[in-house]
N, C-alpha and C. Protein backbone atom coordinates (compact mmCIF):
# COMPACT_ATOMS: atom_id res chain seq x y z
N MET A 1 -101.04 -158.84 -101.14
CA MET A 1 -99.80 -158.23 -101.38
C MET A 1 -100.79 -156.71 -101.63
N ASP A 2 -100.61 -155.67 -101.33
CA ASP A 2 -100.83 -154.66 -101.63
C ASP A 2 -100.45 -153.30 -101.79
N LYS A 3 -100.56 -152.08 -102.64
CA LYS A 3 -99.60 -151.25 -102.66
C LYS A 3 -99.84 -150.25 -101.64
N ASP A 4 -99.31 -149.05 -101.47
CA ASP A 4 -99.10 -147.71 -100.68
C ASP A 4 -98.78 -146.67 -101.85
N VAL A 5 -99.67 -145.74 -101.39
CA VAL A 5 -99.27 -144.62 -102.55
C VAL A 5 -98.72 -143.70 -101.93
N THR A 6 -98.54 -144.03 -99.79
CA THR A 6 -98.57 -142.91 -99.39
C THR A 6 -96.27 -143.33 -99.99
N ALA A 7 -96.13 -144.50 -100.34
CA ALA A 7 -94.63 -144.47 -99.54
C ALA A 7 -93.55 -144.41 -101.29
N ASN A 8 -94.96 -143.89 -101.98
CA ASN A 8 -93.95 -143.37 -104.03
C ASN A 8 -93.09 -142.53 -103.60
N ILE A 9 -92.18 -142.80 -105.05
CA ILE A 9 -91.60 -141.17 -104.90
C ILE A 9 -91.69 -141.20 -106.27
N TRP A 10 -92.18 -139.45 -106.15
CA TRP A 10 -91.98 -139.18 -107.82
C TRP A 10 -91.09 -137.77 -107.20
N PHE A 11 -90.02 -137.13 -108.27
CA PHE A 11 -89.69 -135.89 -109.31
C PHE A 11 -89.29 -135.55 -110.81
N PRO A 12 -89.67 -134.99 -110.46
CA PRO A 12 -90.74 -133.60 -110.05
C PRO A 12 -91.68 -133.81 -109.76
N VAL A 13 -92.67 -133.47 -109.54
CA VAL A 13 -93.85 -133.24 -108.44
C VAL A 13 -94.33 -134.58 -109.26
N PHE A 14 -95.41 -135.22 -108.57
CA PHE A 14 -96.02 -136.10 -109.32
C PHE A 14 -97.24 -135.32 -109.91
N PRO A 15 -97.14 -135.53 -111.57
CA PRO A 15 -97.65 -135.03 -112.16
C PRO A 15 -99.42 -134.72 -111.92
N LEU A 16 -99.74 -135.29 -111.29
CA LEU A 16 -101.11 -135.70 -111.14
C LEU A 16 -101.73 -134.73 -109.75
N TYR A 17 -100.68 -133.87 -109.24
CA TYR A 17 -100.67 -133.59 -107.77
C TYR A 17 -101.75 -132.04 -108.31
N ASN A 18 -102.73 -131.61 -106.92
CA ASN A 18 -103.43 -130.02 -107.37
C ASN A 18 -104.05 -130.30 -108.67
N THR A 19 -104.31 -131.83 -109.49
CA THR A 19 -105.61 -131.26 -110.22
C THR A 19 -106.51 -131.22 -109.96
N LYS A 20 -107.28 -131.16 -111.90
CA LYS A 20 -109.09 -131.05 -111.41
C LYS A 20 -109.30 -132.94 -111.19
N TYR A 21 -107.94 -133.99 -111.75
CA TYR A 21 -108.29 -135.50 -111.52
C TYR A 21 -108.15 -135.87 -110.48
N MET A 22 -106.82 -135.60 -109.50
CA MET A 22 -106.87 -135.68 -108.18
C MET A 22 -107.56 -135.10 -107.42
N ASN A 23 -108.18 -134.04 -107.65
CA ASN A 23 -109.00 -133.48 -106.81
C ASN A 23 -110.83 -134.66 -106.80
N ALA A 24 -111.16 -134.57 -107.96
CA ALA A 24 -112.37 -135.65 -107.82
C ALA A 24 -111.65 -137.15 -107.29
N LEU A 25 -110.12 -137.62 -108.10
CA LEU A 25 -110.08 -138.95 -107.56
C LEU A 25 -110.19 -138.67 -105.37
N ASN A 26 -109.52 -137.74 -105.11
CA ASN A 26 -109.61 -137.79 -103.54
C ASN A 26 -111.13 -137.68 -102.78
N LEU A 27 -112.22 -136.60 -103.52
CA LEU A 27 -113.62 -136.68 -103.46
C LEU A 27 -113.71 -137.73 -103.29
N LEU A 28 -113.96 -138.57 -103.95
CA LEU A 28 -115.09 -139.90 -104.55
C LEU A 28 -114.11 -140.92 -102.98
N ASN A 29 -112.62 -140.68 -102.90
CA ASN A 29 -112.28 -142.40 -102.40
C ASN A 29 -112.05 -141.60 -100.76
N LYS A 30 -112.55 -140.57 -99.97
CA LYS A 30 -112.04 -140.24 -99.14
C LYS A 30 -112.78 -141.56 -97.76
N GLN A 31 -112.39 -141.37 -97.08
CA GLN A 31 -112.39 -142.71 -96.01
C GLN A 31 -114.17 -142.62 -96.10
N SER A 32 -115.69 -142.46 -95.37
CA SER A 32 -116.78 -142.17 -95.38
C SER A 32 -117.49 -142.42 -96.49
N HIS A 33 -116.28 -142.11 -97.92
CA HIS A 33 -117.46 -142.57 -99.27
C HIS A 33 -116.76 -144.61 -99.48
N ARG A 34 -115.69 -144.55 -99.15
CA ARG A 34 -115.15 -145.99 -99.80
C ARG A 34 -114.27 -146.78 -98.63
N GLY A 35 -114.68 -146.17 -97.60
CA GLY A 35 -113.70 -146.48 -96.26
C GLY A 35 -112.26 -147.94 -96.83
N GLY A 36 -111.46 -146.89 -98.01
CA GLY A 36 -110.32 -147.70 -98.36
C GLY A 36 -109.09 -146.85 -96.84
N ASP A 37 -108.15 -147.27 -97.13
CA ASP A 37 -107.17 -146.73 -96.86
C ASP A 37 -105.40 -146.87 -97.64
N SER A 38 -104.97 -145.60 -98.02
CA SER A 38 -104.49 -145.68 -99.58
C SER A 38 -102.55 -146.10 -99.07
N ALA A 39 -102.62 -145.76 -97.38
CA ALA A 39 -101.26 -146.40 -96.91
C ALA A 39 -101.38 -148.06 -96.28
N ILE A 40 -102.58 -148.82 -96.89
CA ILE A 40 -102.29 -149.84 -95.51
C ILE A 40 -101.35 -151.22 -96.63
N GLY A 41 -100.86 -150.99 -97.05
CA GLY A 41 -99.34 -152.29 -98.23
C GLY A 41 -98.60 -152.25 -96.03
N ARG A 42 -98.03 -151.02 -95.84
CA ARG A 42 -97.40 -150.91 -94.70
C ARG A 42 -97.45 -151.42 -93.55
N LYS A 43 -99.27 -151.99 -93.48
CA LYS A 43 -100.09 -152.29 -92.53
C LYS A 43 -99.96 -153.49 -92.99
N ILE A 44 -100.16 -154.31 -93.28
CA ILE A 44 -100.55 -155.37 -94.01
C ILE A 44 -100.33 -157.12 -93.01
N LYS A 45 -98.74 -156.13 -92.86
CA LYS A 45 -98.29 -157.30 -91.94
C LYS A 45 -98.89 -157.75 -90.12
N TYR A 46 -99.14 -155.70 -89.90
CA TYR A 46 -98.50 -155.91 -88.61
C TYR A 46 -100.68 -156.69 -88.03
N TYR A 47 -101.56 -156.27 -89.48
CA TYR A 47 -103.12 -156.82 -88.92
C TYR A 47 -102.93 -158.23 -89.06
N LEU A 48 -102.20 -158.94 -90.09
CA LEU A 48 -102.27 -160.03 -89.98
C LEU A 48 -101.84 -160.80 -88.91
N ALA A 49 -100.30 -160.21 -88.29
CA ALA A 49 -100.33 -160.71 -87.03
C ALA A 49 -101.00 -160.93 -86.09
N GLN A 50 -101.92 -159.68 -86.02
CA GLN A 50 -102.40 -159.54 -84.68
C GLN A 50 -104.41 -160.29 -85.14
N ASN A 51 -104.23 -160.70 -86.13
CA ASN A 51 -105.45 -161.86 -86.58
C ASN A 51 -105.03 -163.53 -86.35
N GLY A 52 -103.82 -163.23 -85.82
CA GLY A 52 -103.21 -164.34 -85.63
C GLY A 52 -102.64 -165.65 -86.47
N ILE A 53 -102.03 -164.92 -87.73
CA ILE A 53 -101.38 -165.22 -88.58
C ILE A 53 -99.76 -165.47 -88.16
N LYS A 54 -99.43 -166.60 -88.22
CA LYS A 54 -97.59 -166.49 -87.77
C LYS A 54 -96.89 -167.04 -89.40
N GLN A 55 -95.76 -166.44 -88.72
CA GLN A 55 -94.36 -167.38 -89.58
C GLN A 55 -94.54 -165.87 -90.61
N LEU A 56 -94.55 -164.58 -90.60
CA LEU A 56 -94.97 -163.70 -91.06
C LEU A 56 -93.54 -162.90 -92.04
N LEU A 57 -93.43 -162.81 -93.40
CA LEU A 57 -92.20 -162.44 -93.85
C LEU A 57 -93.07 -161.50 -94.71
N LEU A 58 -92.13 -160.46 -94.97
CA LEU A 58 -92.76 -159.29 -95.66
C LEU A 58 -91.52 -159.13 -96.56
N GLU A 59 -91.76 -158.60 -97.76
CA GLU A 59 -91.71 -158.29 -99.08
C GLU A 59 -92.05 -156.86 -99.04
N THR A 60 -90.51 -155.68 -99.43
CA THR A 60 -91.17 -154.82 -100.84
C THR A 60 -90.69 -154.78 -101.91
N ARG A 61 -91.52 -154.13 -102.87
CA ARG A 61 -90.95 -154.54 -104.24
C ARG A 61 -91.23 -152.91 -105.04
N GLN A 62 -89.80 -151.85 -105.52
CA GLN A 62 -90.10 -150.91 -105.98
C GLN A 62 -89.63 -151.15 -107.79
N THR A 63 -90.96 -150.48 -107.74
CA THR A 63 -90.74 -150.49 -109.88
C THR A 63 -90.90 -149.39 -110.28
N SER A 64 -89.31 -149.00 -110.62
CA SER A 64 -89.67 -147.09 -111.58
C SER A 64 -91.16 -147.45 -112.82
N LEU A 65 -91.21 -146.58 -112.37
CA LEU A 65 -92.02 -146.34 -114.18
C LEU A 65 -91.94 -145.57 -115.46
N THR A 66 -90.78 -145.25 -114.72
CA THR A 66 -90.21 -144.30 -116.36
C THR A 66 -88.96 -145.15 -116.37
N ASP A 67 -88.80 -145.90 -115.81
CA ASP A 67 -87.72 -147.16 -116.81
C ASP A 67 -88.54 -148.01 -118.11
N PRO A 68 -88.03 -148.28 -119.16
CA PRO A 68 -88.41 -148.77 -120.24
C PRO A 68 -88.80 -149.75 -120.46
N LYS A 69 -87.99 -150.43 -119.97
CA LYS A 69 -88.66 -152.12 -119.52
C LYS A 69 -89.47 -152.38 -118.61
N ASN A 70 -89.69 -151.32 -117.78
CA ASN A 70 -91.07 -151.38 -117.34
C ASN A 70 -92.27 -151.28 -117.38
N LYS A 71 -92.64 -151.44 -118.79
CA LYS A 71 -93.54 -150.79 -119.94
C LYS A 71 -95.40 -151.18 -119.40
N HIS A 72 -95.18 -152.73 -119.06
CA HIS A 72 -96.40 -153.10 -119.06
C HIS A 72 -96.42 -152.69 -117.59
N TYR A 73 -96.18 -152.88 -116.49
CA TYR A 73 -96.36 -151.95 -115.26
C TYR A 73 -97.09 -151.30 -115.73
N ARG A 74 -95.85 -150.21 -115.65
CA ARG A 74 -96.23 -148.41 -116.05
C ARG A 74 -97.85 -148.23 -116.70
N ASP A 75 -98.23 -149.26 -117.55
CA ASP A 75 -99.67 -149.16 -118.17
C ASP A 75 -100.59 -149.68 -117.16
N LEU A 76 -100.32 -150.59 -116.79
CA LEU A 76 -101.25 -151.32 -116.01
C LEU A 76 -101.50 -149.73 -114.67
N GLN A 77 -100.02 -149.37 -114.36
CA GLN A 77 -100.83 -148.32 -113.16
C GLN A 77 -101.09 -146.90 -113.58
N VAL A 78 -101.08 -146.75 -115.23
CA VAL A 78 -102.30 -145.68 -115.56
C VAL A 78 -103.28 -145.71 -115.96
N GLY A 79 -103.19 -147.26 -116.40
CA GLY A 79 -104.52 -147.42 -116.63
C GLY A 79 -105.95 -147.43 -115.59
N VAL A 80 -105.56 -147.49 -113.94
CA VAL A 80 -106.06 -147.97 -112.96
C VAL A 80 -106.29 -146.30 -113.02
N TYR A 81 -105.94 -144.87 -113.32
CA TYR A 81 -106.66 -144.08 -113.14
C TYR A 81 -107.22 -143.90 -114.81
N ILE A 82 -107.09 -144.22 -115.53
CA ILE A 82 -108.22 -144.27 -116.97
C ILE A 82 -109.14 -144.86 -116.59
N ASN A 83 -109.57 -146.54 -116.05
CA ASN A 83 -110.34 -147.15 -115.31
C ASN A 83 -111.49 -146.54 -114.54
N LEU A 84 -110.46 -145.17 -113.73
CA LEU A 84 -111.63 -144.91 -112.61
C LEU A 84 -112.24 -143.29 -113.34
N LEU A 85 -111.63 -142.88 -114.80
CA LEU A 85 -112.52 -141.69 -115.04
C LEU A 85 -113.62 -141.70 -115.17
N PRO A 86 -114.34 -143.17 -115.44
CA PRO A 86 -115.83 -142.46 -115.86
C PRO A 86 -116.58 -142.92 -114.31
N GLU A 87 -115.94 -143.59 -113.61
CA GLU A 87 -116.56 -143.17 -112.03
C GLU A 87 -117.24 -141.46 -111.20
N LEU A 88 -115.73 -141.07 -112.16
CA LEU A 88 -115.57 -139.46 -111.37
C LEU A 88 -116.45 -138.37 -111.87
N VAL A 89 -116.73 -139.26 -114.03
CA VAL A 89 -117.54 -137.90 -114.92
C VAL A 89 -118.71 -138.45 -113.81
N GLU A 90 -119.22 -139.89 -114.33
CA GLU A 90 -121.11 -139.71 -113.48
C GLU A 90 -121.38 -139.30 -112.43
N ALA A 91 -120.21 -138.82 -111.11
CA ALA A 91 -120.74 -139.14 -110.49
C ALA A 91 -120.58 -137.14 -110.07
N GLY A 92 -120.26 -136.80 -111.18
CA GLY A 92 -119.96 -135.03 -111.37
C GLY A 92 -119.55 -134.29 -111.37
N LEU A 93 -117.48 -135.25 -110.93
CA LEU A 93 -116.73 -134.59 -110.15
C LEU A 93 -115.90 -134.63 -110.95
N ILE A 94 -115.64 -134.07 -112.45
CA ILE A 94 -115.02 -133.82 -112.94
C ILE A 94 -115.60 -134.76 -115.10
N SER A 95 -115.01 -133.51 -115.93
CA SER A 95 -115.63 -133.39 -117.28
C SER A 95 -114.50 -134.88 -117.79
N GLU A 96 -114.72 -135.39 -118.69
CA GLU A 96 -114.77 -136.46 -119.00
C GLU A 96 -113.11 -135.40 -119.88
N ALA A 97 -113.17 -134.58 -120.51
CA ALA A 97 -111.81 -133.47 -121.37
C ALA A 97 -111.01 -133.60 -120.14
N ASP A 98 -111.46 -133.27 -119.24
CA ASP A 98 -110.55 -132.28 -118.15
C ASP A 98 -109.72 -133.84 -117.81
N GLY A 99 -110.17 -134.95 -117.19
CA GLY A 99 -109.78 -135.65 -117.01
C GLY A 99 -108.88 -136.70 -117.67
N ARG A 100 -109.10 -136.87 -118.88
CA ARG A 100 -108.22 -136.80 -120.20
C ARG A 100 -107.24 -136.11 -120.08
N LYS A 101 -107.03 -135.15 -120.19
CA LYS A 101 -105.92 -134.05 -119.92
C LYS A 101 -105.09 -134.11 -118.65
N ASP A 102 -105.69 -134.43 -118.01
CA ASP A 102 -104.49 -135.25 -116.72
C ASP A 102 -104.04 -135.98 -116.83
N ILE A 103 -104.63 -136.93 -116.88
CA ILE A 103 -103.59 -138.61 -117.79
C ILE A 103 -102.64 -138.41 -118.54
N GLU A 104 -103.30 -137.87 -119.43
CA GLU A 104 -102.15 -137.47 -120.30
C GLU A 104 -101.28 -136.63 -119.88
N LYS A 105 -100.57 -135.60 -118.95
CA LYS A 105 -99.99 -135.14 -118.65
C LYS A 105 -99.04 -136.54 -117.58
N LEU A 106 -98.89 -137.17 -116.89
CA LEU A 106 -99.38 -138.08 -116.03
C LEU A 106 -97.89 -139.10 -117.27
N GLN A 107 -99.38 -139.49 -118.50
CA GLN A 107 -98.59 -140.30 -119.37
C GLN A 107 -97.12 -139.81 -119.50
N GLU A 108 -97.07 -138.00 -120.21
CA GLU A 108 -95.89 -137.94 -120.83
C GLU A 108 -95.05 -137.80 -120.05
N PHE A 109 -95.15 -137.11 -118.18
CA PHE A 109 -94.73 -137.87 -117.35
C PHE A 109 -93.77 -139.03 -117.28
N LEU A 110 -94.22 -139.73 -117.41
CA LEU A 110 -93.46 -141.56 -117.52
C LEU A 110 -92.74 -141.62 -118.66
N LYS A 111 -93.08 -141.21 -119.86
CA LYS A 111 -92.16 -141.26 -120.90
C LYS A 111 -90.43 -140.44 -120.60
N ASN A 112 -90.40 -139.99 -119.83
CA ASN A 112 -89.31 -138.96 -119.69
C ASN A 112 -88.48 -140.27 -118.40
N GLU A 113 -86.93 -140.39 -119.44
CA GLU A 113 -86.51 -141.02 -118.29
C GLU A 113 -85.83 -140.90 -117.35
N HIS A 114 -85.90 -139.16 -117.25
CA HIS A 114 -84.72 -139.24 -116.58
C HIS A 114 -85.84 -138.34 -115.17
N HIS A 115 -86.93 -138.71 -114.93
CA HIS A 115 -87.64 -138.33 -114.34
C HIS A 115 -87.83 -139.05 -113.12
N VAL A 116 -88.51 -139.39 -111.86
CA VAL A 116 -88.51 -140.57 -110.52
C VAL A 116 -89.48 -140.54 -110.52
N ALA A 117 -90.11 -141.62 -111.14
CA ALA A 117 -91.52 -142.00 -110.48
C ALA A 117 -91.50 -144.41 -110.13
N ILE A 118 -91.44 -144.13 -108.49
CA ILE A 118 -91.17 -145.65 -107.81
C ILE A 118 -92.00 -145.78 -107.45
N ALA A 119 -93.31 -146.67 -107.70
CA ALA A 119 -94.42 -147.47 -107.45
C ALA A 119 -93.89 -148.73 -106.12
N PHE A 120 -94.69 -148.77 -105.39
CA PHE A 120 -93.88 -149.65 -103.49
C PHE A 120 -95.14 -150.39 -103.94
N ASP A 121 -94.91 -151.66 -103.84
CA ASP A 121 -95.43 -152.89 -103.82
C ASP A 121 -95.43 -153.08 -102.43
N PHE A 122 -96.42 -154.48 -101.62
CA PHE A 122 -95.69 -154.95 -100.24
C PHE A 122 -96.10 -156.22 -100.26
N ILE A 123 -96.03 -157.25 -100.01
CA ILE A 123 -96.16 -158.52 -100.29
C ILE A 123 -95.17 -159.46 -99.44
N VAL A 124 -96.58 -159.50 -98.04
CA VAL A 124 -96.51 -160.47 -96.99
C VAL A 124 -97.16 -161.83 -97.42
N THR A 125 -96.55 -162.77 -96.98
CA THR A 125 -97.05 -164.42 -96.94
C THR A 125 -96.86 -164.66 -95.47
N GLY A 126 -97.53 -165.59 -95.12
CA GLY A 126 -97.43 -166.66 -93.85
C GLY A 126 -98.43 -167.30 -93.31
N ILE A 127 -98.70 -168.17 -91.91
CA ILE A 127 -99.34 -169.61 -91.86
C ILE A 127 -100.45 -169.20 -91.17
N LYS A 128 -101.78 -169.50 -91.00
CA LYS A 128 -102.51 -169.67 -90.22
C LYS A 128 -102.79 -170.84 -89.50
């Protein structure tokens, strides 16, 4: 199971778009730095098949982060950004004050039930 942040849907614009926080995060997460893949969710089934896994099943789950009943999932998502802030500050990519200000923008955005913020999870199962 993994996320695919490129599949997420936001309206109006993602509140961290073009902020100091997101610019810092993008610098930290460059492929050459960590080797991650923000679009891995949609690729998992293919990679498992290429490595001999059989009877693969793909399930996608989308969760509205602005729906009040999804508070725990929303808090988990925001927590990822909060937990990355010390690393961004330590790397000298952003000040803690600027990072907290941008995260607060995200939290305010998610409190508005009329905003659209849908996160996608990709779940793949199979047998070796």
